[in-house]
Amino acid sequence: MSTSDIQNKVAQTRAQLESTLDEIEDKLNVPKQLGILAKKAQANYEENPVPWVAAGTAAVAVVGGLLAWAVLSRD
């Protein structure tokens, strides 16, 4: 290998490392990932809101049941 080949290989390796580090940084950026998740959830809700409404109703029923149990239970 010539010096030029080695320098090209080093430059290519550095570029790959930089790209990999950028991807890792994006994955570890919690606010950015939460924003992406929120956009996906919103798009999913807009496409089909029925499961979201059902899950919300179930959550309210569970919390209401737990509150009623806590208030009405005899201790």
N, C-alpha and C. Protein backbone atom coordinates (compact mmCIF):
# COMPACT_ATOMS: atom_id res chain seq x y z
N MET A 1 0.83 -1.18 0.00
CA MET A 1 0.00 0.00 0.00
C MET A 1 0.88 1.25 0.00
N SER A 2 0.44 2.20 -0.76
CA SER A 2 1.18 3.45 -0.81
C SER A 2 0.68 4.38 0.29
N THR A 3 1.41 5.44 0.52
CA THR A 3 1.03 6.44 1.52
C THR A 3 -0.33 7.04 1.17
N SER A 4 -0.55 7.28 -0.10
CA SER A 4 -1.82 7.85 -0.55
C SER A 4 -2.98 6.89 -0.26
N ASP A 5 -2.76 5.60 -0.49
CA ASP A 5 -3.79 4.60 -0.20
C ASP A 5 -4.12 4.56 1.29
N ILE A 6 -3.08 4.62 2.10
CA ILE A 6 -3.27 4.59 3.55
C ILE A 6 -4.03 5.83 4.01
N GLN A 7 -3.67 6.99 3.48
CA GLN A 7 -4.36 8.23 3.85
C GLN A 7 -5.83 8.20 3.43
N ASN A 8 -6.09 7.66 2.26
CA ASN A 8 -7.47 7.53 1.80
C ASN A 8 -8.27 6.58 2.70
N LYS A 9 -7.63 5.48 3.08
CA LYS A 9 -8.29 4.51 3.96
C LYS A 9 -8.58 5.14 5.33
N VAL A 10 -7.64 5.90 5.85
CA VAL A 10 -7.83 6.56 7.14
C VAL A 10 -8.97 7.58 7.04
N ALA A 11 -9.00 8.35 5.98
CA ALA A 11 -10.07 9.33 5.79
C ALA A 11 -11.43 8.65 5.69
N GLN A 12 -11.48 7.54 4.97
CA GLN A 12 -12.74 6.80 4.83
C GLN A 12 -13.18 6.24 6.18
N THR A 13 -12.25 5.71 6.94
CA THR A 13 -12.57 5.16 8.26
C THR A 13 -13.06 6.25 9.20
N ARG A 14 -12.42 7.42 9.15
CA ARG A 14 -12.85 8.55 9.99
C ARG A 14 -14.27 8.99 9.62
N ALA A 15 -14.58 9.02 8.36
CA ALA A 15 -15.91 9.41 7.90
C ALA A 15 -16.96 8.41 8.39
N GLN A 16 -16.62 7.12 8.32
CA GLN A 16 -17.55 6.09 8.81
C GLN A 16 -17.74 6.21 10.32
N LEU A 17 -16.66 6.47 11.05
CA LEU A 17 -16.75 6.62 12.49
C LEU A 17 -17.60 7.84 12.85
N GLU A 18 -17.40 8.93 12.13
CA GLU A 18 -18.19 10.14 12.37
C GLU A 18 -19.68 9.87 12.13
N SER A 19 -19.99 9.17 11.08
CA SER A 19 -21.37 8.83 10.77
C SER A 19 -21.97 7.95 11.86
N THR A 20 -21.21 6.97 12.31
CA THR A 20 -21.68 6.07 13.37
C THR A 20 -21.92 6.84 14.66
N LEU A 21 -21.01 7.73 15.02
CA LEU A 21 -21.17 8.52 16.24
C LEU A 21 -22.38 9.44 16.15
N ASP A 22 -22.63 10.01 14.99
CA ASP A 22 -23.81 10.85 14.79
C ASP A 22 -25.09 10.04 14.98
N GLU A 23 -25.11 8.82 14.44
CA GLU A 23 -26.28 7.95 14.60
C GLU A 23 -26.50 7.58 16.06
N ILE A 24 -25.42 7.29 16.78
CA ILE A 24 -25.53 6.96 18.21
C ILE A 24 -26.04 8.17 18.98
N GLU A 25 -25.52 9.35 18.66
CA GLU A 25 -25.96 10.57 19.33
C GLU A 25 -27.46 10.80 19.11
N ASP A 26 -27.93 10.56 17.89
CA ASP A 26 -29.36 10.72 17.61
C ASP A 26 -30.20 9.74 18.43
N LYS A 27 -29.73 8.51 18.55
CA LYS A 27 -30.48 7.50 19.31
C LYS A 27 -30.52 7.83 20.80
N LEU A 28 -29.48 8.47 21.32
CA LEU A 28 -29.41 8.78 22.74
C LEU A 28 -30.00 10.15 23.08
N ASN A 29 -30.47 10.88 22.08
CA ASN A 29 -31.07 12.19 22.29
C ASN A 29 -32.54 11.97 22.67
N VAL A 30 -32.80 11.91 23.97
CA VAL A 30 -34.13 11.56 24.47
C VAL A 30 -35.21 12.54 24.01
N PRO A 31 -34.99 13.86 24.12
CA PRO A 31 -36.05 14.77 23.65
C PRO A 31 -36.38 14.57 22.17
N LYS A 32 -35.37 14.35 21.35
CA LYS A 32 -35.61 14.13 19.92
C LYS A 32 -36.38 12.84 19.71
N GLN A 33 -36.02 11.78 20.41
CA GLN A 33 -36.70 10.50 20.26
C GLN A 33 -38.15 10.59 20.75
N LEU A 34 -38.39 11.35 21.83
CA LEU A 34 -39.76 11.53 22.32
C LEU A 34 -40.59 12.31 21.30
N GLY A 35 -39.98 13.28 20.65
CA GLY A 35 -40.68 14.02 19.60
C GLY A 35 -41.07 13.12 18.44
N ILE A 36 -40.16 12.25 18.04
CA ILE A 36 -40.45 11.31 16.96
C ILE A 36 -41.58 10.37 17.38
N LEU A 37 -41.51 9.87 18.61
CA LEU A 37 -42.56 8.98 19.11
C LEU A 37 -43.91 9.69 19.16
N ALA A 38 -43.91 10.93 19.59
CA ALA A 38 -45.17 11.69 19.67
C ALA A 38 -45.76 11.90 18.27
N LYS A 39 -44.92 12.18 17.31
CA LYS A 39 -45.41 12.36 15.93
C LYS A 39 -46.00 11.05 15.39
N LYS A 40 -45.34 9.94 15.68
CA LYS A 40 -45.86 8.64 15.24
C LYS A 40 -47.19 8.32 15.91
N ALA A 41 -47.29 8.61 17.21
CA ALA A 41 -48.53 8.34 17.93
C ALA A 41 -49.66 9.22 17.40
N GLN A 42 -49.35 10.48 17.12
CA GLN A 42 -50.37 11.38 16.59
C GLN A 42 -50.85 10.92 15.22
N ALA A 43 -49.92 10.52 14.38
CA ALA A 43 -50.29 10.03 13.05
C ALA A 43 -51.13 8.76 13.17
N ASN A 44 -50.77 7.89 14.10
CA ASN A 44 -51.53 6.66 14.31
C ASN A 44 -52.93 6.98 14.81
N TYR A 45 -53.05 7.94 15.72
CA TYR A 45 -54.36 8.34 16.24
C TYR A 45 -55.22 8.92 15.13
N GLU A 46 -54.63 9.78 14.31
CA GLU A 46 -55.39 10.39 13.22
C GLU A 46 -55.85 9.35 12.20
N GLU A 47 -55.06 8.31 12.03
CA GLU A 47 -55.41 7.24 11.09
C GLU A 47 -56.55 6.37 11.62
N ASN A 48 -56.49 6.04 12.92
CA ASN A 48 -57.50 5.16 13.51
C ASN A 48 -57.63 5.47 15.00
N PRO A 49 -58.56 6.35 15.40
CA PRO A 49 -58.65 6.74 16.81
C PRO A 49 -59.35 5.73 17.71
N VAL A 50 -60.02 4.74 17.15
CA VAL A 50 -60.81 3.80 17.97
C VAL A 50 -59.98 3.11 19.05
N PRO A 51 -58.82 2.52 18.74
CA PRO A 51 -58.05 1.86 19.80
C PRO A 51 -57.60 2.84 20.89
N TRP A 52 -57.30 4.07 20.50
CA TRP A 52 -56.86 5.07 21.47
C TRP A 52 -58.01 5.44 22.42
N VAL A 53 -59.20 5.60 21.86
CA VAL A 53 -60.36 5.93 22.69
C VAL A 53 -60.68 4.75 23.61
N ALA A 54 -60.61 3.55 23.10
CA ALA A 54 -60.88 2.36 23.91
C ALA A 54 -59.86 2.24 25.04
N ALA A 55 -58.60 2.47 24.74
CA ALA A 55 -57.56 2.38 25.78
C ALA A 55 -57.75 3.48 26.82
N GLY A 56 -58.11 4.68 26.39
CA GLY A 56 -58.36 5.76 27.34
C GLY A 56 -59.54 5.47 28.24
N THR A 57 -60.59 4.92 27.65
CA THR A 57 -61.77 4.56 28.43
C THR A 57 -61.43 3.46 29.45
N ALA A 58 -60.65 2.48 29.01
CA ALA A 58 -60.24 1.41 29.92
C ALA A 58 -59.38 1.95 31.05
N ALA A 59 -58.48 2.87 30.74
CA ALA A 59 -57.62 3.46 31.77
C ALA A 59 -58.45 4.22 32.80
N VAL A 60 -59.42 4.99 32.33
CA VAL A 60 -60.30 5.73 33.24
C VAL A 60 -61.09 4.76 34.11
N ALA A 61 -61.58 3.67 33.54
CA ALA A 61 -62.34 2.68 34.31
C ALA A 61 -61.47 2.03 35.38
N VAL A 62 -60.23 1.72 35.03
CA VAL A 62 -59.33 1.09 36.00
C VAL A 62 -59.01 2.05 37.14
N VAL A 63 -58.66 3.29 36.80
CA VAL A 63 -58.34 4.27 37.84
C VAL A 63 -59.57 4.54 38.70
N GLY A 64 -60.74 4.67 38.06
CA GLY A 64 -61.96 4.87 38.83
C GLY A 64 -62.26 3.69 39.75
N GLY A 65 -62.04 2.49 39.26
CA GLY A 65 -62.25 1.31 40.09
C GLY A 65 -61.29 1.26 41.27
N LEU A 66 -60.05 1.61 41.04
CA LEU A 66 -59.07 1.62 42.13
C LEU A 66 -59.41 2.69 43.16
N LEU A 67 -59.84 3.84 42.70
CA LEU A 67 -60.24 4.89 43.64
C LEU A 67 -61.46 4.48 44.45
N ALA A 68 -62.43 3.90 43.78
CA ALA A 68 -63.63 3.44 44.48
C ALA A 68 -63.27 2.36 45.50
N TRP A 69 -62.40 1.45 45.11
CA TRP A 69 -61.98 0.38 46.03
C TRP A 69 -61.26 0.96 47.24
N ALA A 70 -60.39 1.97 46.99
CA ALA A 70 -59.64 2.57 48.09
C ALA A 70 -60.56 3.33 49.03
N VAL A 71 -61.55 4.01 48.49
CA VAL A 71 -62.45 4.81 49.32
C VAL A 71 -63.43 3.92 50.06
N LEU A 72 -63.96 2.92 49.41
CA LEU A 72 -65.02 2.11 49.98
C LEU A 72 -64.55 0.89 50.76
N SER A 73 -63.26 0.58 50.68
CA SER A 73 -62.78 -0.61 51.41
C SER A 73 -62.74 -0.32 52.91
N ARG A 74 -62.98 -1.34 53.67
CA ARG A 74 -63.00 -1.20 55.14
C ARG A 74 -61.64 -1.58 55.69
N ASP A 75 -61.05 -0.66 56.39
CA ASP A 75 -59.77 -0.93 57.05
C ASP A 75 -59.83 -0.58 58.49
